[in-house]
Amino acid sequence: MKIIGLTGGIGSGKSTVARALNEHGYPIVDADRIAREIVEPGQPALQELAEEFGADILDADGALDRGLLASRAFENKETTARLNEITHPRINQRTQELFDEARQNGAEAVIYDMPLLIDKGLHKDMDATIVVHADEHLRVERLTTKRGLDSDDVRRRINAQIDDETRKQHADILIDNNGSEEELQRQVAHAVDKIQQLAAR
């Protein structure tokens, strides 16, 4: 089974591409979803985080106050390292479980949807990497109109990630999402052809 990394900057249309690839029959392992799941009420990581960063990071229902955790966890390198020590092994374990599940179900390839795939150097572990690209002005426009985000906040988020050129340099398959929905779907179909060729090797 091949593991195909899928990445792209915020607002690039990566999630749309993930859904389209899923419709073509490829299971999606969503890194952001896993990161949320491991800190849901009842999960061991949540208890450890509360012990490390204060019980008040949990609300009345026992759910995580992400903003409060972030303000404490990203205070300095030591607190960030501690956050990573608690969460990363569990994220990695759950990711591997989902890869194994896809393999057992006979999948030829699985799509690993990971926003920071290249930022973290994880593209090196993939059989191929798909990068979804859109020009910055379009990404800002999409996120402000569709998600109602503040344009300055969007630009800060974009600047916090690696630049588009670096991302594109690591693409085995580049999907340009500057055009229409039809153009995007054509490129997804082309990506599927490439994944099938790779899976047949």
Protein backbone atom coordinates (compact mmCIF):
# COMPACT_ATOMS: atom_id res chain seq x y z
CA MET A 1 0.00 0.00 0.00
CA LYS A 2 1.27 3.45 -0.92
CA ILE A 3 1.03 6.41 1.45
CA ILE A 4 0.37 9.64 -0.43
CA GLY A 5 0.90 12.91 1.41
CA LEU A 6 -1.59 15.70 0.70
CA THR A 7 -0.74 19.23 1.74
CA GLY A 8 -1.35 22.87 0.89
CA GLY A 9 -1.51 26.23 2.58
CA ILE A 10 -4.59 27.45 4.43
CA GLY A 11 -7.34 28.31 1.93
CA SER A 12 -5.66 26.45 -0.95
CA GLY A 13 -8.54 23.98 -1.36
CA LYS A 14 -6.73 20.99 0.14
CA SER A 15 -9.87 19.79 1.95
CA THR A 16 -11.85 19.91 -1.31
CA VAL A 17 -9.17 17.79 -2.99
CA ALA A 18 -9.20 15.35 -0.05
CA ARG A 19 -12.97 14.90 -0.42
CA ALA A 20 -12.62 14.37 -4.18
CA LEU A 21 -9.87 11.76 -3.70
CA ASN A 22 -12.06 10.03 -1.12
CA GLU A 23 -14.89 9.91 -3.68
CA HIS A 24 -12.42 8.13 -5.99
CA GLY A 25 -12.16 5.43 -3.32
CA TYR A 26 -9.04 6.43 -1.40
CA PRO A 27 -9.25 6.42 2.41
CA ILE A 28 -8.23 9.72 4.03
CA VAL A 29 -6.16 9.90 7.20
CA ASP A 30 -6.75 13.45 8.47
CA ALA A 31 -3.94 14.71 10.72
CA ASP A 32 -5.99 17.61 12.12
CA ARG A 33 -8.88 15.30 13.02
CA ILE A 34 -6.51 12.91 14.83
CA ALA A 35 -5.01 15.81 16.79
CA ARG A 36 -8.53 16.80 17.89
CA GLU A 37 -9.62 13.23 18.71
CA ILE A 38 -6.72 12.48 21.07
CA VAL A 39 -7.70 15.39 23.34
CA GLU A 40 -11.43 14.65 23.53
CA PRO A 41 -12.99 14.08 26.99
CA GLY A 42 -12.04 10.67 28.34
CA GLN A 43 -8.78 10.46 26.39
CA PRO A 44 -5.59 9.95 28.47
CA ALA A 45 -3.79 12.84 26.75
CA LEU A 46 -6.42 15.30 27.99
CA GLN A 47 -5.86 14.30 31.62
CA GLU A 48 -2.09 14.63 31.19
CA LEU A 49 -2.47 18.07 29.63
CA ALA A 50 -4.67 19.20 32.54
CA GLU A 51 -2.06 17.96 35.03
CA GLU A 52 0.73 19.73 33.14
CA PHE A 53 -0.94 23.01 32.16
CA GLY A 54 -3.65 23.43 34.82
CA ALA A 55 -7.10 21.94 35.42
CA ASP A 56 -8.70 25.19 34.21
CA ILE A 57 -7.80 24.30 30.60
CA LEU A 58 -10.91 22.09 30.84
CA ASP A 59 -14.35 23.70 30.73
CA ALA A 60 -17.36 22.72 32.86
CA ASP A 61 -18.13 19.82 30.50
CA GLY A 62 -14.56 18.53 30.67
CA ALA A 63 -13.75 19.69 27.13
CA LEU A 64 -10.47 21.35 26.23
CA ASP A 65 -10.23 25.14 26.06
CA ARG A 66 -7.85 25.20 23.09
CA GLY A 67 -7.15 28.92 23.31
CA LEU A 68 -6.08 28.72 26.96
CA LEU A 69 -3.95 25.64 26.31
CA ALA A 70 -2.26 27.37 23.37
CA SER A 71 -1.46 30.48 25.42
CA ARG A 72 0.30 28.32 28.03
CA ALA A 73 1.81 25.63 25.81
CA PHE A 74 3.40 28.08 23.38
CA GLU A 75 4.75 30.35 26.13
CA ASN A 76 8.33 29.09 25.61
CA LYS A 77 10.33 26.23 24.11
CA GLU A 78 10.09 24.10 27.26
CA THR A 79 6.29 24.27 27.49
CA THR A 80 5.94 23.61 23.74
CA ALA A 81 8.25 20.60 24.07
CA ARG A 82 6.12 19.29 26.93
CA LEU A 83 2.94 19.66 24.85
CA ASN A 84 4.60 17.72 22.04
CA GLU A 85 5.81 14.99 24.44
CA ILE A 86 2.22 14.42 25.55
CA THR A 87 0.47 14.63 22.19
CA HIS A 88 2.89 13.49 19.46
CA PRO A 89 3.31 9.82 20.47
CA ARG A 90 -0.47 9.43 20.62
CA ILE A 91 -0.96 11.19 17.29
CA ASN A 92 1.69 8.94 15.71
CA GLN A 93 0.13 5.81 17.20
CA ARG A 94 -3.37 6.69 15.99
CA THR A 95 -2.05 7.61 12.53
CA GLN A 96 -0.31 4.24 12.25
CA GLU A 97 -3.47 2.43 13.38
CA LEU A 98 -5.44 4.12 10.58
CA PHE A 99 -2.76 3.26 8.00
CA ASP A 100 -2.86 -0.37 9.17
CA GLU A 101 -6.66 -0.38 9.00
CA ALA A 102 -6.57 0.88 5.39
CA ARG A 103 -3.98 -1.78 4.51
CA GLN A 104 -6.10 -4.55 6.07
CA ASN A 105 -9.11 -3.31 4.09
CA GLY A 106 -7.14 -3.81 0.88
CA ALA A 107 -6.52 -0.16 -0.03
CA GLU A 108 -3.97 0.33 -2.82
CA ALA A 109 -3.16 3.77 -1.45
CA VAL A 110 -4.11 5.96 1.49
CA ILE A 111 -4.14 9.77 1.49
CA TYR A 112 -2.42 11.41 4.48
CA ASP A 113 -4.00 14.88 4.74
CA MET A 114 -1.44 16.93 6.67
CA PRO A 115 -1.25 20.76 6.51
CA LEU A 116 2.34 20.90 7.86
CA LEU A 117 3.63 17.85 5.97
CA ILE A 118 6.52 19.73 4.34
CA ASP A 119 7.06 22.17 7.23
CA LYS A 120 7.77 19.16 9.47
CA GLY A 121 9.78 17.23 6.87
CA LEU A 122 7.27 14.36 6.82
CA HIS A 123 7.05 14.41 3.01
CA LYS A 124 10.29 12.38 3.05
CA ASP A 125 8.34 9.44 4.54
CA MET A 126 5.67 9.50 1.81
CA ASP A 127 5.59 7.46 -1.39
CA ALA A 128 4.49 10.66 -3.15
CA THR A 129 3.36 14.15 -2.16
CA ILE A 130 0.41 16.06 -3.61
CA VAL A 131 0.59 19.84 -3.13
CA VAL A 132 -2.54 21.93 -3.65
CA HIS A 133 -1.62 25.49 -4.60
CA ALA A 134 -3.60 28.70 -4.96
CA ASP A 135 -2.34 32.28 -5.18
CA GLU A 136 -2.33 34.16 -1.88
CA HIS A 137 -4.92 36.78 -2.89
CA LEU A 138 -7.38 34.01 -3.79
CA ARG A 139 -6.75 32.19 -0.52
CA VAL A 140 -7.37 35.38 1.48
CA GLU A 141 -10.54 36.06 -0.53
CA ARG A 142 -11.89 32.52 0.00
CA LEU A 143 -11.24 32.51 3.73
CA THR A 144 -12.69 35.96 4.36
CA THR A 145 -15.84 35.41 2.26
CA LYS A 146 -16.54 31.70 2.89
CA ARG A 147 -15.32 31.31 6.46
CA GLY A 148 -15.75 34.88 7.64
CA LEU A 149 -12.16 35.18 8.87
CA ASP A 150 -10.36 38.49 9.30
CA SER A 151 -8.01 39.20 6.36
CA ASP A 152 -5.10 40.23 8.63
CA ASP A 153 -5.53 37.02 10.63
CA VAL A 154 -5.53 34.99 7.39
CA ARG A 155 -2.30 36.65 6.23
CA ARG A 156 -0.68 35.97 9.61
CA ARG A 157 -1.63 32.29 9.30
CA ILE A 158 -0.27 32.15 5.76
CA ASN A 159 3.00 33.76 6.85
CA ALA A 160 3.33 31.30 9.74
CA GLN A 161 3.52 28.41 7.24
CA ILE A 162 6.33 27.73 4.76
CA ASP A 163 6.22 29.72 1.54
CA ASP A 164 4.44 28.47 -1.57
CA GLU A 165 7.61 28.08 -3.66
CA THR A 166 9.21 25.75 -1.10
CA ARG A 167 6.00 23.75 -0.91
CA LYS A 168 5.79 23.44 -4.71
CA GLN A 169 9.42 22.29 -4.96
CA HIS A 170 8.53 19.18 -2.96
CA ALA A 171 5.44 18.30 -5.02
CA ASP A 172 5.41 15.02 -6.91
CA ILE A 173 1.91 15.99 -8.05
CA LEU A 174 0.99 19.69 -8.15
CA ILE A 175 -2.68 20.67 -8.22
CA ASP A 176 -3.21 24.30 -9.22
CA ASN A 177 -6.44 25.58 -7.68
CA ASN A 178 -6.52 29.05 -9.20
CA GLY A 179 -9.26 28.18 -11.68
CA SER A 180 -12.76 26.74 -11.82
CA GLU A 181 -14.21 23.74 -9.99
CA GLU A 182 -14.18 21.84 -13.33
CA GLU A 183 -10.45 22.52 -13.77
CA LEU A 184 -9.80 21.34 -10.22
CA GLN A 185 -11.70 18.09 -10.80
CA ARG A 186 -9.73 17.47 -14.02
CA GLN A 187 -6.48 17.83 -12.07
CA VAL A 188 -7.78 15.51 -9.34
CA ALA A 189 -8.55 12.90 -12.04
CA HIS A 190 -4.98 13.32 -13.32
CA ALA A 191 -3.67 12.86 -9.75
CA VAL A 192 -5.75 9.67 -9.44
CA ASP A 193 -4.11 8.33 -12.63
CA LYS A 194 -0.68 8.99 -11.14
CA ILE A 195 -1.62 7.35 -7.82
CA GLN A 196 -2.87 4.28 -9.71
CA GLN A 197 0.41 4.07 -11.65
CA LEU A 198 2.36 4.35 -8.39
CA ALA A 199 0.19 1.73 -6.65
CA ALA A 200 0.75 -0.71 -9.53
CA ARG A 201 4.54 -0.67 -9.06
